[in-house]
Amino acid sequence: MFHHDSADVALLRSVTACNEGLGAACNYAGWLVREPAFNQPAQSLVYFRRACDLEYGWSCYRLGQLESDPSRTAKNFRRACGLSN
């Protein structure tokens, strides 16, 4: 369980780094906003997509797991494979 202030700081830092083009930070922001302290699963998809666009393969894989559209699922899994994930 996060102390809420710590979660806010972690999110701020990861979003800042994501905005600077760091895929790992976008991935972390996506993971973090899914936690109970924030509970924003729709927003997490935005961060995972950004990370995938920045060629962070794990986020492409995660998007494939979270998508409800089979064609998008397949697209994201293919992208993840192409990035060796």
PDB file of N, CA and C in Angstrom:
ATOM      1  N   MET A   1       0.845  -1.180   0.000  1.00  0.00           N
ATOM      2  CA  MET A   1       0.000   0.000   0.000  1.00  0.00           C
ATOM      3  C   MET A   1       0.886   1.238   0.000  1.00  0.00           C
ATOM      4  N   PHE A   2       0.553   2.161  -0.835  1.00  0.00           N
ATOM      5  CA  PHE A   2       1.303   3.407  -0.929  1.00  0.00           C
ATOM      6  C   PHE A   2       0.814   4.400   0.108  1.00  0.00           C
ATOM      7  N   HIS A   3       1.723   5.170   0.634  1.00  0.00           N
ATOM      8  CA  HIS A   3       1.320   6.363   1.357  1.00  0.00           C
ATOM      9  C   HIS A   3       0.907   7.323   0.250  1.00  0.00           C
ATOM     10  N   HIS A   4      -0.270   7.937   0.354  1.00  0.00           N
ATOM     11  CA  HIS A   4      -0.819   8.703  -0.770  1.00  0.00           C
ATOM     12  C   HIS A   4       0.122   9.807  -1.250  1.00  0.00           C
ATOM     13  N   ASP A   5       0.788  10.514  -0.340  1.00  0.00           N
ATOM     14  CA  ASP A   5       1.726  11.558  -0.763  1.00  0.00           C
ATOM     15  C   ASP A   5       2.849  10.967  -1.599  1.00  0.00           C
ATOM     16  N   SER A   6       3.341   9.805  -1.203  1.00  0.00           N
ATOM     17  CA  SER A   6       4.404   9.147  -1.951  1.00  0.00           C
ATOM     18  C   SER A   6       3.921   8.746  -3.329  1.00  0.00           C
ATOM     19  N   ALA A   7       2.695   8.264  -3.435  1.00  0.00           N
ATOM     20  CA  ALA A   7       2.129   7.877  -4.725  1.00  0.00           C
ATOM     21  C   ALA A   7       1.980   9.099  -5.626  1.00  0.00           C
ATOM     22  N   ASP A   8       1.533  10.211  -5.052  1.00  0.00           N
ATOM     23  CA  ASP A   8       1.400  11.442  -5.843  1.00  0.00           C
ATOM     24  C   ASP A   8       2.748  11.892  -6.393  1.00  0.00           C
ATOM     25  N   VAL A   9       3.765  11.840  -5.572  1.00  0.00           N
ATOM     26  CA  VAL A   9       5.110  12.247  -5.994  1.00  0.00           C
ATOM     27  C   VAL A   9       5.637  11.298  -7.063  1.00  0.00           C
ATOM     28  N   ALA A  10       5.447  10.001  -6.858  1.00  0.00           N
ATOM     29  CA  ALA A  10       5.900   9.015  -7.841  1.00  0.00           C
ATOM     30  C   ALA A  10       5.211   9.228  -9.178  1.00  0.00           C
ATOM     31  N   LEU A  11       3.911   9.503  -9.144  1.00  0.00           N
ATOM     32  CA  LEU A  11       3.178   9.738 -10.388  1.00  0.00           C
ATOM     33  C   LEU A  11       3.662  11.006 -11.074  1.00  0.00           C
ATOM     34  N   LEU A  12       3.850  12.057 -10.314  1.00  0.00           N
ATOM     35  CA  LEU A  12       4.340  13.313 -10.886  1.00  0.00           C
ATOM     36  C   LEU A  12       5.693  13.121 -11.561  1.00  0.00           C
ATOM     37  N   ARG A  13       6.583  12.423 -10.893  1.00  0.00           N
ATOM     38  CA  ARG A  13       7.912  12.189 -11.468  1.00  0.00           C
ATOM     39  C   ARG A  13       7.846  11.320 -12.713  1.00  0.00           C
ATOM     40  N   SER A  14       7.039  10.280 -12.672  1.00  0.00           N
ATOM     41  CA  SER A  14       6.969   9.400 -13.836  1.00  0.00           C
ATOM     42  C   SER A  14       6.286  10.090 -15.013  1.00  0.00           C
ATOM     43  N   VAL A  15       5.266  10.889 -14.770  1.00  0.00           N
ATOM     44  CA  VAL A  15       4.610  11.618 -15.860  1.00  0.00           C
ATOM     45  C   VAL A  15       5.560  12.653 -16.449  1.00  0.00           C
ATOM     46  N   THR A  16       6.318  13.323 -15.610  1.00  0.00           N
ATOM     47  CA  THR A  16       7.307  14.290 -16.093  1.00  0.00           C
ATOM     48  C   THR A  16       8.325  13.609 -16.997  1.00  0.00           C
ATOM     49  N   ALA A  17       8.856  12.476 -16.555  1.00  0.00           N
ATOM     50  CA  ALA A  17       9.831  11.740 -17.363  1.00  0.00           C
ATOM     51  C   ALA A  17       9.187  11.178 -18.623  1.00  0.00           C
ATOM     52  N   CYS A  18       7.939  10.760 -18.537  1.00  0.00           N
ATOM     53  CA  CYS A  18       7.209  10.278 -19.711  1.00  0.00           C
ATOM     54  C   CYS A  18       7.089  11.397 -20.742  1.00  0.00           C
ATOM     55  N   ASN A  19       6.759  12.580 -20.278  1.00  0.00           N
ATOM     56  CA  ASN A  19       6.637  13.729 -21.180  1.00  0.00           C
ATOM     57  C   ASN A  19       7.965  14.105 -21.822  1.00  0.00           C
ATOM     58  N   GLU A  20       9.058  13.661 -21.214  1.00  0.00           N
ATOM     59  CA  GLU A  20      10.388  13.890 -21.786  1.00  0.00           C
ATOM     60  C   GLU A  20      10.788  12.771 -22.751  1.00  0.00           C
ATOM     61  N   GLY A  21       9.886  11.800 -22.952  1.00  0.00           N
ATOM     62  CA  GLY A  21      10.124  10.763 -23.942  1.00  0.00           C
ATOM     63  C   GLY A  21      10.744   9.483 -23.430  1.00  0.00           C
ATOM     64  N   LEU A  22      10.643   9.213 -22.146  1.00  0.00           N
ATOM     65  CA  LEU A  22      11.192   7.980 -21.580  1.00  0.00           C
ATOM     66  C   LEU A  22      10.098   6.921 -21.472  1.00  0.00           C
ATOM     67  N   GLY A  23      10.203   5.897 -22.302  1.00  0.00           N
ATOM     68  CA  GLY A  23       9.183   4.862 -22.350  1.00  0.00           C
ATOM     69  C   GLY A  23       8.983   4.137 -21.031  1.00  0.00           C
ATOM     70  N   ALA A  24      10.063   3.863 -20.319  1.00  0.00           N
ATOM     71  CA  ALA A  24       9.946   3.172 -19.031  1.00  0.00           C
ATOM     72  C   ALA A  24       9.132   4.004 -18.043  1.00  0.00           C
ATOM     73  N   ALA A  25       9.281   5.308 -18.095  1.00  0.00           N
ATOM     74  CA  ALA A  25       8.522   6.188 -17.194  1.00  0.00           C
ATOM     75  C   ALA A  25       7.042   6.184 -17.561  1.00  0.00           C
ATOM     76  N   CYS A  26       6.736   6.170 -18.845  1.00  0.00           N
ATOM     77  CA  CYS A  26       5.337   6.094 -19.282  1.00  0.00           C
ATOM     78  C   CYS A  26       4.717   4.784 -18.815  1.00  0.00           C
ATOM     79  N   ASN A  27       5.485   3.705 -18.946  1.00  0.00           N
ATOM     80  CA  ASN A  27       5.024   2.401 -18.489  1.00  0.00           C
ATOM     81  C   ASN A  27       4.740   2.441 -16.986  1.00  0.00           C
ATOM     82  N   TYR A  28       5.638   3.015 -16.213  1.00  0.00           N
ATOM     83  CA  TYR A  28       5.451   3.088 -14.772  1.00  0.00           C
ATOM     84  C   TYR A  28       4.227   3.931 -14.427  1.00  0.00           C
ATOM     85  N   ALA A  29       4.039   5.037 -15.128  1.00  0.00           N
ATOM     86  CA  ALA A  29       2.855   5.871 -14.887  1.00  0.00           C
ATOM     87  C   ALA A  29       1.587   5.072 -15.177  1.00  0.00           C
ATOM     88  N   GLY A  30       1.607   4.290 -16.260  1.00  0.00           N
ATOM     89  CA  GLY A  30       0.453   3.460 -16.585  1.00  0.00           C
ATOM     90  C   GLY A  30       0.156   2.441 -15.506  1.00  0.00           C
ATOM     91  N   TRP A  31       1.200   1.832 -14.993  1.00  0.00           N
ATOM     92  CA  TRP A  31       1.025   0.869 -13.913  1.00  0.00           C
ATOM     93  C   TRP A  31       0.518   1.563 -12.645  1.00  0.00           C
ATOM     94  N   LEU A  32       1.100   2.711 -12.338  1.00  0.00           N
ATOM     95  CA  LEU A  32       0.786   3.410 -11.094  1.00  0.00           C
ATOM     96  C   LEU A  32      -0.666   3.882 -11.048  1.00  0.00           C
ATOM     97  N   VAL A  33      -1.188   4.419 -12.143  1.00  0.00           N
ATOM     98  CA  VAL A  33      -2.566   4.933 -12.101  1.00  0.00           C
ATOM     99  C   VAL A  33      -3.609   3.819 -12.019  1.00  0.00           C
ATOM    100  N   ARG A  34      -3.184   2.561 -12.191  1.00  0.00           N
ATOM    101  CA  ARG A  34      -4.097   1.434 -11.997  1.00  0.00           C
ATOM    102  C   ARG A  34      -4.191   1.030 -10.521  1.00  0.00           C
ATOM    103  N   GLU A  35      -3.266   1.496  -9.709  1.00  0.00           N
ATOM    104  CA  GLU A  35      -3.251   1.165  -8.284  1.00  0.00           C
ATOM    105  C   GLU A  35      -4.438   1.810  -7.566  1.00  0.00           C
ATOM    106  N   PRO A  36      -4.858   1.231  -6.436  1.00  0.00           N
ATOM    107  CA  PRO A  36      -6.010   1.756  -5.699  1.00  0.00           C
ATOM    108  C   PRO A  36      -5.886   3.232  -5.303  1.00  0.00           C
ATOM    109  N   ALA A  37      -4.681   3.720  -5.113  1.00  0.00           N
ATOM    110  CA  ALA A  37      -4.519   5.127  -4.727  1.00  0.00           C
ATOM    111  C   ALA A  37      -5.063   6.068  -5.807  1.00  0.00           C
ATOM    112  N   PHE A  38      -5.078   5.617  -7.062  1.00  0.00           N
ATOM    113  CA  PHE A  38      -5.559   6.451  -8.172  1.00  0.00           C
ATOM    114  C   PHE A  38      -6.764   5.837  -8.873  1.00  0.00           C
ATOM    115  N   ASN A  39      -6.760   4.523  -9.090  1.00  0.00           N
ATOM    116  CA  ASN A  39      -7.859   3.794  -9.706  1.00  0.00           C
ATOM    117  C   ASN A  39      -8.355   4.454 -10.994  1.00  0.00           C
ATOM    118  N   GLN A  40      -7.446   4.633 -11.954  1.00  0.00           N
ATOM    119  CA  GLN A  40      -7.783   5.245 -13.239  1.00  0.00           C
ATOM    120  C   GLN A  40      -7.340   4.319 -14.385  1.00  0.00           C
ATOM    121  N   PRO A  41      -8.015   3.171 -14.544  1.00  0.00           N
ATOM    122  CA  PRO A  41      -7.580   2.229 -15.566  1.00  0.00           C
ATOM    123  C   PRO A  41      -7.620   2.787 -16.984  1.00  0.00           C
ATOM    124  N   ALA A  42      -8.555   3.652 -17.295  1.00  0.00           N
ATOM    125  CA  ALA A  42      -8.607   4.237 -18.647  1.00  0.00           C
ATOM    126  C   ALA A  42      -7.383   5.114 -18.901  1.00  0.00           C
ATOM    127  N   GLN A  43      -6.964   5.852 -17.902  1.00  0.00           N
ATOM    128  CA  GLN A  43      -5.776   6.704 -18.044  1.00  0.00           C
ATOM    129  C   GLN A  43      -4.517   5.862 -18.208  1.00  0.00           C
ATOM    130  N   SER A  44      -4.508   4.697 -17.603  1.00  0.00           N
ATOM    131  CA  SER A  44      -3.331   3.835 -17.731  1.00  0.00           C
ATOM    132  C   SER A  44      -3.101   3.442 -19.185  1.00  0.00           C
ATOM    133  N   LEU A  45      -4.168   3.251 -19.932  1.00  0.00           N
ATOM    134  CA  LEU A  45      -4.020   2.897 -21.349  1.00  0.00           C
ATOM    135  C   LEU A  45      -3.314   3.992 -22.126  1.00  0.00           C
ATOM    136  N   VAL A  46      -3.568   5.235 -21.757  1.00  0.00           N
ATOM    137  CA  VAL A  46      -2.903   6.368 -22.418  1.00  0.00           C
ATOM    138  C   VAL A  46      -1.391   6.266 -22.212  1.00  0.00           C
ATOM    139  N   TYR A  47      -0.979   6.002 -20.987  1.00  0.00           N
ATOM    140  CA  TYR A  47       0.452   5.897 -20.689  1.00  0.00           C
ATOM    141  C   TYR A  47       1.079   4.654 -21.326  1.00  0.00           C
ATOM    142  N   PHE A  48       0.359   3.534 -21.290  1.00  0.00           N
ATOM    143  CA  PHE A  48       0.889   2.326 -21.929  1.00  0.00           C
ATOM    144  C   PHE A  48       1.030   2.518 -23.438  1.00  0.00           C
ATOM    145  N   ARG A  49       0.073   3.195 -24.071  1.00  0.00           N
ATOM    146  CA  ARG A  49       0.172   3.462 -25.514  1.00  0.00           C
ATOM    147  C   ARG A  49       1.374   4.352 -25.811  1.00  0.00           C
ATOM    148  N   ARG A  50       1.554   5.363 -24.994  1.00  0.00           N
ATOM    149  CA  ARG A  50       2.703   6.262 -25.193  1.00  0.00           C
ATOM    150  C   ARG A  50       4.008   5.485 -25.055  1.00  0.00           C
ATOM    151  N   ALA A  51       4.095   4.632 -24.042  1.00  0.00           N
ATOM    152  CA  ALA A  51       5.301   3.826 -23.843  1.00  0.00           C
ATOM    153  C   ALA A  51       5.521   2.893 -25.028  1.00  0.00           C
ATOM    154  N   CYS A  52       4.463   2.294 -25.518  1.00  0.00           N
ATOM    155  CA  CYS A  52       4.571   1.406 -26.670  1.00  0.00           C
ATOM    156  C   CYS A  52       5.039   2.197 -27.894  1.00  0.00           C
ATOM    157  N   ASP A  53       4.489   3.391 -28.084  1.00  0.00           N
ATOM    158  CA  ASP A  53       4.927   4.254 -29.187  1.00  0.00           C
ATOM    159  C   ASP A  53       6.403   4.613 -29.062  1.00  0.00           C
ATOM    160  N   LEU A  54       6.885   4.657 -27.826  1.00  0.00           N
ATOM    161  CA  LEU A  54       8.302   4.941 -27.575  1.00  0.00           C
ATOM    162  C   LEU A  54       9.143   3.657 -27.590  1.00  0.00           C
ATOM    163  N   GLU A  55       8.540   2.583 -28.096  1.00  0.00           N
ATOM    164  CA  GLU A  55       9.199   1.289 -28.276  1.00  0.00           C
ATOM    165  C   GLU A  55       9.591   0.612 -26.963  1.00  0.00           C
ATOM    166  N   TYR A  56       8.784   0.791 -25.959  1.00  0.00           N
ATOM    167  CA  TYR A  56       8.946   0.054 -24.709  1.00  0.00           C
ATOM    168  C   TYR A  56       8.048  -1.171 -24.826  1.00  0.00           C
ATOM    169  N   GLY A  57       8.632  -2.286 -25.224  1.00  0.00           N
ATOM    170  CA  GLY A  57       7.902  -3.480 -25.613  1.00  0.00           C
ATOM    171  C   GLY A  57       6.975  -4.057 -24.568  1.00  0.00           C
ATOM    172  N   TRP A  58       7.350  -3.988 -23.309  1.00  0.00           N
ATOM    173  CA  TRP A  58       6.497  -4.557 -22.272  1.00  0.00           C
ATOM    174  C   TRP A  58       5.143  -3.863 -22.265  1.00  0.00           C
ATOM    175  N   SER A  59       5.119  -2.560 -22.554  1.00  0.00           N
ATOM    176  CA  SER A  59       3.850  -1.827 -22.577  1.00  0.00           C
ATOM    177  C   SER A  59       2.989  -2.265 -23.750  1.00  0.00           C
ATOM    178  N   CYS A  60       3.608  -2.599 -24.865  1.00  0.00           N
ATOM    179  CA  CYS A  60       2.842  -3.124 -26.000  1.00  0.00           C
ATOM    180  C   CYS A  60       2.178  -4.435 -25.600  1.00  0.00           C
ATOM    181  N   TYR A  61       2.938  -5.284 -24.910  1.00  0.00           N
ATOM    182  CA  TYR A  61       2.395  -6.552 -24.422  1.00  0.00           C
ATOM    183  C   TYR A  61       1.240  -6.302 -23.449  1.00  0.00           C
ATOM    184  N   ARG A  62       1.441  -5.386 -22.527  1.00  0.00           N
ATOM    185  CA  ARG A  62       0.395  -5.067 -21.541  1.00  0.00           C
ATOM    186  C   ARG A  62      -0.850  -4.530 -22.224  1.00  0.00           C
ATOM    187  N   LEU A  63      -0.679  -3.691 -23.239  1.00  0.00           N
ATOM    188  CA  LEU A  63      -1.830  -3.198 -23.992  1.00  0.00           C
ATOM    189  C   LEU A  63      -2.587  -4.351 -24.628  1.00  0.00           C
ATOM    190  N   GLY A  64      -1.841  -5.312 -25.182  1.00  0.00           N
ATOM    191  CA  GLY A  64      -2.486  -6.480 -25.764  1.00  0.00           C
ATOM    192  C   GLY A  64      -3.347  -7.214 -24.757  1.00  0.00           C
ATOM    193  N   GLN A  65      -2.903  -7.266 -23.524  1.00  0.00           N
ATOM    194  CA  GLN A  65      -3.677  -7.925 -22.470  1.00  0.00           C
ATOM    195  C   GLN A  65      -4.923  -7.131 -22.098  1.00  0.00           C
ATOM    196  N   LEU A  66      -4.850  -5.820 -22.186  1.00  0.00           N
ATOM    197  CA  LEU A  66      -5.935  -4.971 -21.704  1.00  0.00           C
ATOM    198  C   LEU A  66      -6.965  -4.595 -22.769  1.00  0.00           C
ATOM    199  N   GLU A  67      -6.601  -4.720 -24.036  1.00  0.00           N
ATOM    200  CA  GLU A  67      -7.518  -4.348 -25.115  1.00  0.00           C
ATOM    201  C   GLU A  67      -8.722  -5.278 -25.159  1.00  0.00           C
ATOM    202  N   SER A  68      -9.860  -4.724 -25.534  1.00  0.00           N
ATOM    203  CA  SER A  68     -11.062  -5.544 -25.692  1.00  0.00           C
ATOM    204  C   SER A  68     -11.300  -5.903 -27.158  1.00  0.00           C
ATOM    205  N   ASP A  69     -10.684  -5.171 -28.071  1.00  0.00           N
ATOM    206  CA  ASP A  69     -10.832  -5.426 -29.507  1.00  0.00           C
ATOM    207  C   ASP A  69      -9.777  -6.436 -29.961  1.00  0.00           C
ATOM    208  N   PRO A  70     -10.197  -7.580 -30.503  1.00  0.00           N
ATOM    209  CA  PRO A  70      -9.226  -8.614 -30.898  1.00  0.00           C
ATOM    210  C   PRO A  70      -8.175  -8.136 -31.907  1.00  0.00           C
ATOM    211  N   SER A  71      -8.543  -7.269 -32.826  1.00  0.00           N
ATOM    212  CA  SER A  71      -7.544  -6.802 -33.800  1.00  0.00           C
ATOM    213  C   SER A  71      -6.494  -5.917 -33.137  1.00  0.00           C
ATOM    214  N   ARG A  72      -6.906  -5.102 -32.172  1.00  0.00           N
ATOM    215  CA  ARG A  72      -5.937  -4.278 -31.432  1.00  0.00           C
ATOM    216  C   ARG A  72      -5.061  -5.148 -30.544  1.00  0.00           C
ATOM    217  N   THR A  73      -5.674  -6.166 -29.956  1.00  0.00           N
ATOM    218  CA  THR A  73      -4.907  -7.103 -29.133  1.00  0.00           C
ATOM    219  C   THR A  73      -3.794  -7.725 -29.956  1.00  0.00           C
ATOM    220  N   ALA A  74      -4.149  -8.235 -31.118  1.00  0.00           N
ATOM    221  CA  ALA A  74      -3.161  -8.870 -31.995  1.00  0.00           C
ATOM    222  C   ALA A  74      -2.088  -7.879 -32.434  1.00  0.00           C
ATOM    223  N   LYS A  75      -2.505  -6.675 -32.776  1.00  0.00           N
ATOM    224  CA  LYS A  75      -1.556  -5.640 -33.207  1.00  0.00           C
ATOM    225  C   LYS A  75      -0.530  -5.356 -32.110  1.00  0.00           C
ATOM    226  N   ASN A  76      -1.005  -5.211 -30.882  1.00  0.00           N
ATOM    227  CA  ASN A  76      -0.099  -4.902 -29.775  1.00  0.00           C
ATOM    228  C   ASN A  76       0.818  -6.071 -29.445  1.00  0.00           C
ATOM    229  N   PHE A  77       0.300  -7.298 -29.506  1.00  0.00           N
ATOM    230  CA  PHE A  77       1.156  -8.460 -29.271  1.00  0.00           C
ATOM    231  C   PHE A  77       2.225  -8.587 -30.358  1.00  0.00           C
ATOM    232  N   ARG A  78       1.843  -8.323 -31.617  1.00  0.00           N
ATOM    233  CA  ARG A  78       2.843  -8.360 -32.703  1.00  0.00           C
ATOM    234  C   ARG A  78       3.914  -7.312 -32.471  1.00  0.00           C
ATOM    235  N   ARG A  79       3.492  -6.133 -32.060  1.00  0.00           N
ATOM    236  CA  ARG A  79       4.462  -5.061 -31.801  1.00  0.00           C
ATOM    237  C   ARG A  79       5.401  -5.459 -30.672  1.00  0.00           C
ATOM    238  N   ALA A  80       4.852  -6.038 -29.622  1.00  0.00           N
ATOM    239  CA  ALA A  80       5.667  -6.496 -28.494  1.00  0.00           C
ATOM    240  C   ALA A  80       6.678  -7.540 -28.959  1.00  0.00           C
ATOM    241  N   CYS A  81       6.231  -8.470 -29.786  1.00  0.00           N
ATOM    242  CA  CYS A  81       7.155  -9.490 -30.307  1.00  0.00           C
ATOM    243  C   CYS A  81       8.241  -8.845 -31.137  1.00  0.00           C
ATOM    244  N   GLY A  82       7.876  -7.867 -31.941  1.00  0.00           N
ATOM    245  CA  GLY A  82       8.859  -7.170 -32.763  1.00  0.00           C
ATOM    246  C   GLY A  82       9.901  -6.433 -31.936  1.00  0.00           C
ATOM    247  N   LEU A  83       9.509  -6.088 -30.723  1.00  0.00           N
ATOM    248  CA  LEU A  83      10.426  -5.415 -29.801  1.00  0.00           C
ATOM    249  C   LEU A  83      11.071  -6.404 -28.826  1.00  0.00           C
ATOM    250  N   SER A  84      10.983  -7.670 -29.158  1.00  0.00           N
ATOM    251  CA  SER A  84      11.582  -8.769 -28.358  1.00  0.00           C
ATOM    252  C   SER A  84      10.977  -8.908 -26.975  1.00  0.00           C
ATOM    253  N   ASN A  85       9.681  -8.715 -26.888  1.00  0.00           N
ATOM    254  CA  ASN A  85       8.970  -8.943 -25.621  1.00  0.00           C
ATOM    255  C   ASN A  85       7.889  -9.963 -25.857  1.00  0.00           C
TER     256      ASN A  85
END
